[in-house]
Amino acid sequence: NKVNLAALGKAVAALEKGMAGGFLQTDSARVVLKLAQSNQDLLDEADRQELLSFLSGSQSEGYAPQSGEITGLLKQMGETMAKDLADATATEEAAIKTYEGLVAAKKKEVAALSATVEAKTAQIGTLGVAIVQMQGDLSDTAAAQAADKEFLEGLEKSCSTKTAEWEERSK
């Protein structure tokens, strides 16, 4: 991460200035030591052991800043970490863009489905009103039909009575 990269940068700067002894007593040295102990894939095992030996202060011979070997190892670790961080950042940014695209698509889908639900709800209301009106028409029609049947029965009765009366008079 960025903190580890900053600690490596401080370590390289201190070693290049020839302040190895003073650097080993800083917080940055402890961060680099923990980093070297926990991330075994940043360096090959021999380089990692040499770096750990230097950072823990257990080298038998004194550090020669002009050799630049430890500085080179730290720079290599920093480059590897920077590349890994850039790759992870790019992957995360791509995932964020994909997520944002998905969210936008889902919002459009929700809007379309909400419009469909509203249209269907309005249609249900319209059909409900139509059904109630048709039921009213049906009951009115049934009442008119009953009245018409009653009138027809009365008319048939009246006709038969009138026919009988006519026949009675015509004799």
N, C-alpha and C. Protein backbone atom coordinates (compact mmCIF):
# COMPACT_ATOMS: atom_id res chain seq x y z
N ASN A 1 0.83 -1.18 0.00
CA ASN A 1 0.00 0.00 0.00
C ASN A 1 0.87 1.24 0.00
N LYS A 2 0.25 2.39 0.05
CA LYS A 2 0.98 3.66 -0.08
C LYS A 2 1.91 3.92 1.10
N VAL A 3 1.52 3.47 2.29
CA VAL A 3 2.36 3.68 3.48
C VAL A 3 3.65 2.89 3.34
N ASN A 4 3.54 1.65 2.88
CA ASN A 4 4.73 0.81 2.70
C ASN A 4 5.64 1.38 1.61
N LEU A 5 5.05 1.89 0.54
CA LEU A 5 5.85 2.50 -0.52
C LEU A 5 6.58 3.74 -0.01
N ALA A 6 5.91 4.53 0.82
CA ALA A 6 6.54 5.73 1.39
C ALA A 6 7.70 5.33 2.30
N ALA A 7 7.50 4.27 3.10
CA ALA A 7 8.56 3.81 4.00
C ALA A 7 9.76 3.32 3.19
N LEU A 8 9.49 2.60 2.09
CA LEU A 8 10.59 2.15 1.23
C LEU A 8 11.32 3.34 0.62
N GLY A 9 10.57 4.36 0.21
CA GLY A 9 11.20 5.56 -0.36
C GLY A 9 12.11 6.24 0.64
N LYS A 10 11.65 6.33 1.90
CA LYS A 10 12.48 6.92 2.96
C LYS A 10 13.72 6.08 3.21
N ALA A 11 13.55 4.77 3.18
CA ALA A 11 14.69 3.87 3.42
C ALA A 11 15.73 4.04 2.33
N VAL A 12 15.30 4.07 1.07
CA VAL A 12 16.24 4.23 -0.04
C VAL A 12 16.95 5.57 0.07
N ALA A 13 16.20 6.63 0.36
CA ALA A 13 16.81 7.96 0.48
C ALA A 13 17.84 8.00 1.60
N ALA A 14 17.52 7.41 2.74
CA ALA A 14 18.46 7.41 3.87
C ALA A 14 19.71 6.60 3.54
N LEU A 15 19.54 5.45 2.89
CA LEU A 15 20.70 4.62 2.56
C LEU A 15 21.57 5.26 1.50
N GLU A 16 20.94 5.95 0.55
CA GLU A 16 21.73 6.62 -0.49
C GLU A 16 22.53 7.78 0.08
N LYS A 17 22.04 8.36 1.19
CA LYS A 17 22.78 9.45 1.83
C LYS A 17 23.83 8.92 2.80
N GLY A 18 23.87 7.59 2.98
CA GLY A 18 24.88 6.99 3.84
C GLY A 18 24.51 7.02 5.31
N MET A 19 23.22 7.09 5.62
CA MET A 19 22.79 7.14 7.02
C MET A 19 22.15 5.82 7.42
N ALA A 20 22.81 4.72 7.13
CA ALA A 20 22.23 3.41 7.40
C ALA A 20 21.98 3.21 8.90
N GLY A 21 22.93 3.57 9.73
CA GLY A 21 22.78 3.36 11.16
C GLY A 21 21.62 4.14 11.73
N GLY A 22 21.48 5.40 11.35
CA GLY A 22 20.38 6.22 11.83
C GLY A 22 19.04 5.74 11.29
N PHE A 23 19.05 5.27 10.06
CA PHE A 23 17.81 4.80 9.46
C PHE A 23 17.26 3.58 10.19
N LEU A 24 18.14 2.68 10.61
CA LEU A 24 17.70 1.44 11.24
C LEU A 24 16.92 1.68 12.53
N GLN A 25 17.02 2.87 13.09
CA GLN A 25 16.34 3.18 14.33
C GLN A 25 15.02 3.93 14.10
N THR A 26 14.61 4.10 12.85
CA THR A 26 13.38 4.86 12.55
C THR A 26 12.18 3.94 12.42
N ASP A 27 10.99 4.57 12.45
CA ASP A 27 9.74 3.83 12.23
C ASP A 27 9.69 3.27 10.81
N SER A 28 10.26 4.00 9.87
CA SER A 28 10.27 3.53 8.48
C SER A 28 11.03 2.21 8.38
N ALA A 29 12.13 2.07 9.12
CA ALA A 29 12.91 0.82 9.09
C ALA A 29 12.07 -0.33 9.63
N ARG A 30 11.30 -0.06 10.70
CA ARG A 30 10.44 -1.11 11.25
C ARG A 30 9.35 -1.51 10.25
N VAL A 31 8.79 -0.52 9.54
CA VAL A 31 7.77 -0.82 8.53
C VAL A 31 8.36 -1.67 7.42
N VAL A 32 9.55 -1.30 6.95
CA VAL A 32 10.22 -2.06 5.88
C VAL A 32 10.55 -3.47 6.37
N LEU A 33 10.99 -3.61 7.62
CA LEU A 33 11.29 -4.93 8.19
C LEU A 33 10.04 -5.79 8.21
N LYS A 34 8.92 -5.25 8.71
CA LYS A 34 7.67 -6.01 8.74
C LYS A 34 7.23 -6.37 7.32
N LEU A 35 7.42 -5.45 6.41
CA LEU A 35 7.05 -5.68 5.01
C LEU A 35 7.88 -6.82 4.42
N ALA A 36 9.17 -6.81 4.68
CA ALA A 36 10.05 -7.86 4.16
C ALA A 36 9.73 -9.21 4.81
N GLN A 37 9.34 -9.19 6.08
CA GLN A 37 9.00 -10.44 6.76
C GLN A 37 7.68 -11.01 6.27
N SER A 38 6.71 -10.14 5.99
CA SER A 38 5.37 -10.64 5.66
C SER A 38 5.16 -10.91 4.17
N ASN A 39 5.87 -10.22 3.30
CA ASN A 39 5.67 -10.40 1.85
C ASN A 39 6.85 -11.15 1.24
N GLN A 40 6.74 -12.44 1.19
CA GLN A 40 7.84 -13.26 0.69
C GLN A 40 7.93 -13.26 -0.82
N ASP A 41 6.90 -12.78 -1.51
CA ASP A 41 6.90 -12.83 -2.97
C ASP A 41 7.51 -11.59 -3.61
N LEU A 42 7.91 -10.58 -2.81
CA LEU A 42 8.50 -9.37 -3.38
C LEU A 42 9.95 -9.58 -3.83
N LEU A 43 10.66 -10.44 -3.14
CA LEU A 43 12.08 -10.71 -3.46
C LEU A 43 12.31 -12.22 -3.40
N ASP A 44 13.41 -12.65 -4.07
CA ASP A 44 13.73 -14.07 -3.90
C ASP A 44 14.29 -14.28 -2.50
N GLU A 45 14.33 -15.52 -2.05
CA GLU A 45 14.62 -15.84 -0.65
C GLU A 45 16.00 -15.34 -0.20
N ALA A 46 17.02 -15.47 -1.03
CA ALA A 46 18.37 -15.04 -0.64
C ALA A 46 18.41 -13.52 -0.44
N ASP A 47 17.82 -12.78 -1.36
CA ASP A 47 17.79 -11.32 -1.23
C ASP A 47 16.96 -10.90 -0.02
N ARG A 48 15.86 -11.60 0.20
CA ARG A 48 15.01 -11.27 1.34
C ARG A 48 15.77 -11.50 2.65
N GLN A 49 16.51 -12.63 2.75
CA GLN A 49 17.28 -12.92 3.97
C GLN A 49 18.37 -11.88 4.19
N GLU A 50 19.02 -11.45 3.11
CA GLU A 50 20.05 -10.42 3.23
C GLU A 50 19.44 -9.11 3.72
N LEU A 51 18.29 -8.75 3.18
CA LEU A 51 17.61 -7.54 3.59
C LEU A 51 17.17 -7.63 5.05
N LEU A 52 16.61 -8.78 5.43
CA LEU A 52 16.18 -8.96 6.82
C LEU A 52 17.38 -8.88 7.77
N SER A 53 18.48 -9.46 7.36
CA SER A 53 19.70 -9.41 8.18
C SER A 53 20.16 -7.97 8.37
N PHE A 54 20.14 -7.19 7.29
CA PHE A 54 20.55 -5.78 7.38
C PHE A 54 19.59 -5.00 8.28
N LEU A 55 18.28 -5.17 8.04
CA LEU A 55 17.29 -4.38 8.79
C LEU A 55 17.25 -4.74 10.27
N SER A 56 17.57 -5.98 10.59
CA SER A 56 17.57 -6.36 12.01
C SER A 56 18.90 -6.02 12.67
N GLY A 57 19.87 -5.54 11.88
CA GLY A 57 21.15 -5.11 12.43
C GLY A 57 22.05 -6.26 12.82
N SER A 58 21.83 -7.45 12.24
CA SER A 58 22.63 -8.61 12.64
C SER A 58 23.69 -8.99 11.61
N GLN A 59 24.06 -8.06 10.74
CA GLN A 59 25.12 -8.37 9.78
C GLN A 59 26.45 -8.41 10.52
N SER A 60 27.26 -9.37 10.14
CA SER A 60 28.55 -9.50 10.83
C SER A 60 29.53 -8.44 10.34
N GLU A 61 29.53 -8.20 9.01
CA GLU A 61 30.42 -7.15 8.51
C GLU A 61 29.64 -5.84 8.42
N GLY A 62 30.29 -4.74 8.44
CA GLY A 62 29.63 -3.43 8.39
C GLY A 62 29.02 -3.18 7.02
N TYR A 63 28.02 -2.35 6.98
CA TYR A 63 27.34 -2.03 5.73
C TYR A 63 28.20 -1.04 4.96
N ALA A 64 28.37 -1.32 3.70
CA ALA A 64 29.13 -0.41 2.85
C ALA A 64 28.14 0.30 1.93
N PRO A 65 27.78 1.54 2.22
CA PRO A 65 26.76 2.22 1.44
C PRO A 65 27.08 2.32 -0.04
N GLN A 66 28.36 2.35 -0.40
CA GLN A 66 28.72 2.49 -1.79
C GLN A 66 28.39 1.22 -2.59
N SER A 67 28.23 0.08 -1.95
CA SER A 67 27.91 -1.14 -2.70
C SER A 67 26.50 -1.05 -3.28
N GLY A 68 25.61 -0.45 -2.58
CA GLY A 68 24.26 -0.22 -3.08
C GLY A 68 23.41 -1.48 -3.18
N GLU A 69 23.87 -2.60 -2.64
CA GLU A 69 23.11 -3.84 -2.78
C GLU A 69 21.77 -3.77 -2.04
N ILE A 70 21.82 -3.31 -0.80
CA ILE A 70 20.57 -3.21 -0.03
C ILE A 70 19.67 -2.16 -0.66
N THR A 71 20.26 -1.05 -1.08
CA THR A 71 19.48 -0.01 -1.75
C THR A 71 18.81 -0.58 -2.99
N GLY A 72 19.51 -1.37 -3.76
CA GLY A 72 18.95 -2.01 -4.96
C GLY A 72 17.79 -2.94 -4.61
N LEU A 73 17.97 -3.71 -3.53
CA LEU A 73 16.89 -4.61 -3.09
C LEU A 73 15.65 -3.83 -2.69
N LEU A 74 15.87 -2.73 -1.95
CA LEU A 74 14.74 -1.92 -1.53
C LEU A 74 14.05 -1.27 -2.74
N LYS A 75 14.85 -0.81 -3.70
CA LYS A 75 14.26 -0.23 -4.91
C LYS A 75 13.46 -1.28 -5.68
N GLN A 76 14.01 -2.50 -5.74
CA GLN A 76 13.31 -3.59 -6.44
C GLN A 76 11.97 -3.89 -5.74
N MET A 77 12.00 -3.93 -4.40
CA MET A 77 10.77 -4.15 -3.64
C MET A 77 9.77 -3.03 -3.92
N GLY A 78 10.28 -1.80 -3.93
CA GLY A 78 9.41 -0.65 -4.19
C GLY A 78 8.79 -0.70 -5.57
N GLU A 79 9.57 -1.07 -6.56
CA GLU A 79 9.04 -1.16 -7.93
C GLU A 79 7.97 -2.25 -8.04
N THR A 80 8.25 -3.39 -7.40
CA THR A 80 7.27 -4.49 -7.42
C THR A 80 5.98 -4.06 -6.73
N MET A 81 6.13 -3.42 -5.57
CA MET A 81 4.94 -2.98 -4.84
C MET A 81 4.18 -1.90 -5.61
N ALA A 82 4.92 -0.97 -6.24
CA ALA A 82 4.26 0.09 -7.00
C ALA A 82 3.49 -0.50 -8.18
N LYS A 83 4.08 -1.49 -8.84
CA LYS A 83 3.41 -2.15 -9.96
C LYS A 83 2.17 -2.88 -9.47
N ASP A 84 2.30 -3.62 -8.36
CA ASP A 84 1.15 -4.33 -7.80
C ASP A 84 0.04 -3.36 -7.39
N LEU A 85 0.43 -2.23 -6.79
CA LEU A 85 -0.55 -1.22 -6.39
C LEU A 85 -1.25 -0.63 -7.61
N ALA A 86 -0.47 -0.34 -8.66
CA ALA A 86 -1.07 0.21 -9.89
C ALA A 86 -2.03 -0.79 -10.51
N ASP A 87 -1.63 -2.07 -10.54
CA ASP A 87 -2.52 -3.12 -11.09
C ASP A 87 -3.80 -3.23 -10.27
N ALA A 88 -3.66 -3.23 -8.95
CA ALA A 88 -4.84 -3.34 -8.08
C ALA A 88 -5.74 -2.12 -8.23
N THR A 89 -5.13 -0.94 -8.34
CA THR A 89 -5.91 0.28 -8.53
C THR A 89 -6.65 0.25 -9.85
N ALA A 90 -5.97 -0.17 -10.92
CA ALA A 90 -6.62 -0.26 -12.24
C ALA A 90 -7.76 -1.27 -12.21
N THR A 91 -7.54 -2.40 -11.57
CA THR A 91 -8.58 -3.41 -11.46
C THR A 91 -9.78 -2.87 -10.68
N GLU A 92 -9.49 -2.17 -9.59
CA GLU A 92 -10.57 -1.61 -8.78
C GLU A 92 -11.33 -0.52 -9.53
N GLU A 93 -10.61 0.31 -10.27
CA GLU A 93 -11.27 1.36 -11.05
C GLU A 93 -12.16 0.74 -12.13
N ALA A 94 -11.69 -0.33 -12.76
CA ALA A 94 -12.50 -1.02 -13.77
C ALA A 94 -13.74 -1.63 -13.11
N ALA A 95 -13.57 -2.19 -11.93
CA ALA A 95 -14.71 -2.77 -11.21
C ALA A 95 -15.71 -1.68 -10.82
N ILE A 96 -15.20 -0.51 -10.45
CA ILE A 96 -16.08 0.61 -10.09
C ILE A 96 -16.88 1.05 -11.31
N LYS A 97 -16.21 1.15 -12.47
CA LYS A 97 -16.92 1.55 -13.69
C LYS A 97 -17.97 0.51 -14.06
N THR A 98 -17.64 -0.76 -13.92
CA THR A 98 -18.59 -1.82 -14.21
C THR A 98 -19.78 -1.72 -13.25
N TYR A 99 -19.49 -1.51 -11.99
CA TYR A 99 -20.54 -1.37 -10.98
C TYR A 99 -21.45 -0.18 -11.30
N GLU A 100 -20.82 0.96 -11.63
CA GLU A 100 -21.61 2.16 -11.94
C GLU A 100 -22.48 1.92 -13.17
N GLY A 101 -21.95 1.22 -14.17
CA GLY A 101 -22.75 0.87 -15.35
C GLY A 101 -23.92 -0.01 -14.98
N LEU A 102 -23.66 -0.98 -14.12
CA LEU A 102 -24.72 -1.89 -13.68
C LEU A 102 -25.79 -1.13 -12.90
N VAL A 103 -25.37 -0.22 -12.03
CA VAL A 103 -26.32 0.57 -11.25
C VAL A 103 -27.18 1.42 -12.18
N ALA A 104 -26.55 2.05 -13.19
CA ALA A 104 -27.30 2.88 -14.13
C ALA A 104 -28.31 2.04 -14.90
N ALA A 105 -27.88 0.85 -15.34
CA ALA A 105 -28.80 -0.04 -16.07
C ALA A 105 -29.95 -0.48 -15.18
N LYS A 106 -29.66 -0.80 -13.94
CA LYS A 106 -30.71 -1.23 -13.02
C LYS A 106 -31.67 -0.08 -12.72
N LYS A 107 -31.16 1.16 -12.62
CA LYS A 107 -32.04 2.31 -12.39
C LYS A 107 -32.98 2.49 -13.58
N LYS A 108 -32.45 2.32 -14.80
CA LYS A 108 -33.30 2.43 -15.99
C LYS A 108 -34.35 1.32 -15.98
N GLU A 109 -33.93 0.13 -15.60
CA GLU A 109 -34.85 -1.01 -15.55
C GLU A 109 -35.94 -0.76 -14.51
N VAL A 110 -35.56 -0.24 -13.35
CA VAL A 110 -36.53 0.05 -12.30
C VAL A 110 -37.52 1.12 -12.78
N ALA A 111 -36.99 2.15 -13.47
CA ALA A 111 -37.87 3.21 -13.98
C ALA A 111 -38.86 2.64 -14.99
N ALA A 112 -38.37 1.80 -15.90
CA ALA A 112 -39.25 1.20 -16.91
C ALA A 112 -40.30 0.31 -16.25
N LEU A 113 -39.88 -0.48 -15.30
CA LEU A 113 -40.83 -1.38 -14.61
C LEU A 113 -41.82 -0.58 -13.76
N SER A 114 -41.37 0.51 -13.17
CA SER A 114 -42.28 1.35 -12.39
C SER A 114 -43.34 1.96 -13.31
N ALA A 115 -42.92 2.40 -14.49
CA ALA A 115 -43.88 2.94 -15.45
C ALA A 115 -44.89 1.86 -15.87
N THR A 116 -44.40 0.64 -16.07
CA THR A 116 -45.29 -0.47 -16.42
C THR A 116 -46.28 -0.75 -15.29
N VAL A 117 -45.78 -0.74 -14.06
CA VAL A 117 -46.65 -0.98 -12.90
C VAL A 117 -47.72 0.11 -12.81
N GLU A 118 -47.30 1.37 -13.02
CA GLU A 118 -48.27 2.47 -12.97
C GLU A 118 -49.32 2.31 -14.07
N ALA A 119 -48.88 1.94 -15.28
CA ALA A 119 -49.82 1.76 -16.39
C ALA A 119 -50.79 0.62 -16.08
N LYS A 120 -50.28 -0.48 -15.55
CA LYS A 120 -51.14 -1.62 -15.21
C LYS A 120 -52.10 -1.26 -14.09
N THR A 121 -51.63 -0.49 -13.13
CA THR A 121 -52.50 -0.06 -12.03
C THR A 121 -53.63 0.83 -12.56
N ALA A 122 -53.28 1.73 -13.48
CA ALA A 122 -54.32 2.59 -14.09
C ALA A 122 -55.30 1.75 -14.88
N GLN A 123 -54.79 0.76 -15.60
CA GLN A 123 -55.65 -0.13 -16.39
C GLN A 123 -56.59 -0.92 -15.46
N ILE A 124 -56.07 -1.38 -14.35
CA ILE A 124 -56.89 -2.11 -13.38
C ILE A 124 -58.00 -1.20 -12.86
N GLY A 125 -57.67 0.05 -12.57
CA GLY A 125 -58.68 1.00 -12.09
C GLY A 125 -59.75 1.24 -13.15
N THR A 126 -59.31 1.44 -14.39
CA THR A 126 -60.26 1.67 -15.49
C THR A 126 -61.16 0.47 -15.68
N LEU A 127 -60.58 -0.72 -15.67
CA LEU A 127 -61.37 -1.93 -15.83
C LEU A 127 -62.32 -2.15 -14.65
N GLY A 128 -61.89 -1.78 -13.46
CA GLY A 128 -62.76 -1.89 -12.28
C GLY A 128 -63.99 -1.01 -12.42
N VAL A 129 -63.76 0.23 -12.89
CA VAL A 129 -64.88 1.15 -13.10
C VAL A 129 -65.81 0.59 -14.19
N ALA A 130 -65.24 0.08 -15.28
CA ALA A 130 -66.03 -0.48 -16.36
C ALA A 130 -66.86 -1.67 -15.87
N ILE A 131 -66.28 -2.50 -15.03
CA ILE A 131 -67.00 -3.66 -14.49
C ILE A 131 -68.18 -3.20 -13.65
N VAL A 132 -67.95 -2.21 -12.80
CA VAL A 132 -69.03 -1.69 -11.95
C VAL A 132 -70.15 -1.12 -12.82
N GLN A 133 -69.77 -0.37 -13.87
CA GLN A 133 -70.79 0.19 -14.78
C GLN A 133 -71.56 -0.92 -15.49
N MET A 134 -70.84 -1.94 -15.93
CA MET A 134 -71.50 -3.06 -16.61
C MET A 134 -72.42 -3.82 -15.67
N GLN A 135 -72.02 -3.96 -14.41
CA GLN A 135 -72.89 -4.62 -13.44
C GLN A 135 -74.15 -3.79 -13.21
N GLY A 136 -73.99 -2.47 -13.18
CA GLY A 136 -75.15 -1.59 -13.04
C GLY A 136 -76.06 -1.72 -14.26
N ASP A 137 -75.46 -1.73 -15.46
CA ASP A 137 -76.23 -1.91 -16.69
C ASP A 137 -76.96 -3.25 -16.68
N LEU A 138 -76.28 -4.28 -16.20
CA LEU A 138 -76.88 -5.61 -16.14
C LEU A 138 -78.10 -5.62 -15.22
N SER A 139 -77.95 -5.02 -14.06
CA SER A 139 -79.09 -5.01 -13.13
C SER A 139 -80.24 -4.16 -13.70
N ASP A 140 -79.88 -3.03 -14.37
CA ASP A 140 -80.93 -2.21 -15.00
C ASP A 140 -81.62 -3.00 -16.12
N THR A 141 -80.84 -3.70 -16.91
CA THR A 141 -81.39 -4.50 -18.01
C THR A 141 -82.25 -5.63 -17.48
N ALA A 142 -81.81 -6.27 -16.41
CA ALA A 142 -82.59 -7.35 -15.81
C ALA A 142 -83.91 -6.81 -15.28
N ALA A 143 -83.88 -5.63 -14.67
CA ALA A 143 -85.12 -5.02 -14.15
C ALA A 143 -86.06 -4.67 -15.31
N ALA A 144 -85.50 -4.11 -16.40
CA ALA A 144 -86.31 -3.76 -17.57
C ALA A 144 -86.90 -5.02 -18.19
N GLN A 145 -86.10 -6.09 -18.23
CA GLN A 145 -86.59 -7.36 -18.80
C GLN A 145 -87.75 -7.90 -17.95
N ALA A 146 -87.62 -7.81 -16.66
CA ALA A 146 -88.70 -8.29 -15.77
C ALA A 146 -89.96 -7.46 -15.99
N ALA A 147 -89.78 -6.15 -16.13
CA ALA A 147 -90.94 -5.27 -16.37
C ALA A 147 -91.57 -5.60 -17.73
N ASP A 148 -90.72 -5.83 -18.73
CA ASP A 148 -91.23 -6.17 -20.06
C ASP A 148 -91.99 -7.49 -20.03
N LYS A 149 -91.49 -8.48 -19.30
CA LYS A 149 -92.18 -9.78 -19.20
C LYS A 149 -93.54 -9.60 -18.52
N GLU A 150 -93.56 -8.78 -17.49
CA GLU A 150 -94.79 -8.51 -16.75
C GLU A 150 -95.80 -7.81 -17.68
N PHE A 151 -95.30 -6.85 -18.47
CA PHE A 151 -96.15 -6.14 -19.42
C PHE A 151 -96.68 -7.11 -20.47
N LEU A 152 -95.80 -8.01 -20.96
CA LEU A 152 -96.19 -9.00 -21.97
C LEU A 152 -97.27 -9.91 -21.42
N GLU A 153 -97.09 -10.37 -20.17
CA GLU A 153 -98.10 -11.23 -19.55
C GLU A 153 -99.43 -10.48 -19.43
N GLY A 154 -99.36 -9.23 -19.02
CA GLY A 154 -100.58 -8.41 -18.90
C GLY A 154 -101.23 -8.21 -20.26
N LEU A 155 -100.41 -7.99 -21.29
CA LEU A 155 -100.90 -7.79 -22.64
C LEU A 155 -101.56 -9.06 -23.17
N GLU A 156 -100.90 -10.21 -22.92
CA GLU A 156 -101.47 -11.50 -23.37
C GLU A 156 -102.82 -11.75 -22.67
N LYS A 157 -102.86 -11.43 -21.38
CA LYS A 157 -104.09 -11.62 -20.61
C LYS A 157 -105.18 -10.70 -21.16
N SER A 158 -104.80 -9.44 -21.39
CA SER A 158 -105.76 -8.47 -21.91
C SER A 158 -106.24 -8.86 -23.30
N CYS A 159 -105.33 -9.35 -24.13
CA CYS A 159 -105.70 -9.79 -25.49
C CYS A 159 -106.67 -10.96 -25.43
N SER A 160 -106.36 -11.92 -24.58
CA SER A 160 -107.25 -13.08 -24.50
C SER A 160 -108.63 -12.66 -23.97
N THR A 161 -108.65 -11.73 -23.04
CA THR A 161 -109.93 -11.23 -22.53
C THR A 161 -110.68 -10.49 -23.63
N LYS A 162 -109.99 -9.64 -24.37
CA LYS A 162 -110.61 -8.87 -25.43
C LYS A 162 -111.09 -9.79 -26.55
N THR A 163 -110.29 -10.81 -26.84
CA THR A 163 -110.69 -11.76 -27.88
C THR A 163 -111.95 -12.49 -27.43
N ALA A 164 -112.01 -12.89 -26.20
CA ALA A 164 -113.19 -13.59 -25.69
C ALA A 164 -114.40 -12.66 -25.73
N GLU A 165 -114.21 -11.42 -25.35
CA GLU A 165 -115.30 -10.45 -25.38
C GLU A 165 -115.78 -10.24 -26.82
N TRP A 166 -114.90 -10.14 -27.74
CA TRP A 166 -115.24 -9.93 -29.14
C TRP A 166 -116.03 -11.11 -29.67
N GLU A 167 -115.58 -12.26 -29.35
CA GLU A 167 -116.28 -13.47 -29.80
C GLU A 167 -117.67 -13.51 -29.18
N GLU A 168 -117.79 -13.10 -27.99
CA GLU A 168 -119.08 -13.06 -27.30
C GLU A 168 -119.99 -12.05 -28.01
N ARG A 169 -119.54 -10.94 -28.38
CA ARG A 169 -120.33 -9.93 -29.04
C ARG A 169 -120.64 -10.30 -30.48
N SER A 170 -119.77 -10.95 -31.13
CA SER A 170 -119.96 -11.29 -32.53
C SER A 170 -120.97 -12.39 -32.68
N LYS A 171 -121.36 -13.08 -31.76
CA LYS A 171 -122.29 -14.18 -31.90
C LYS A 171 -123.61 -13.69 -32.09
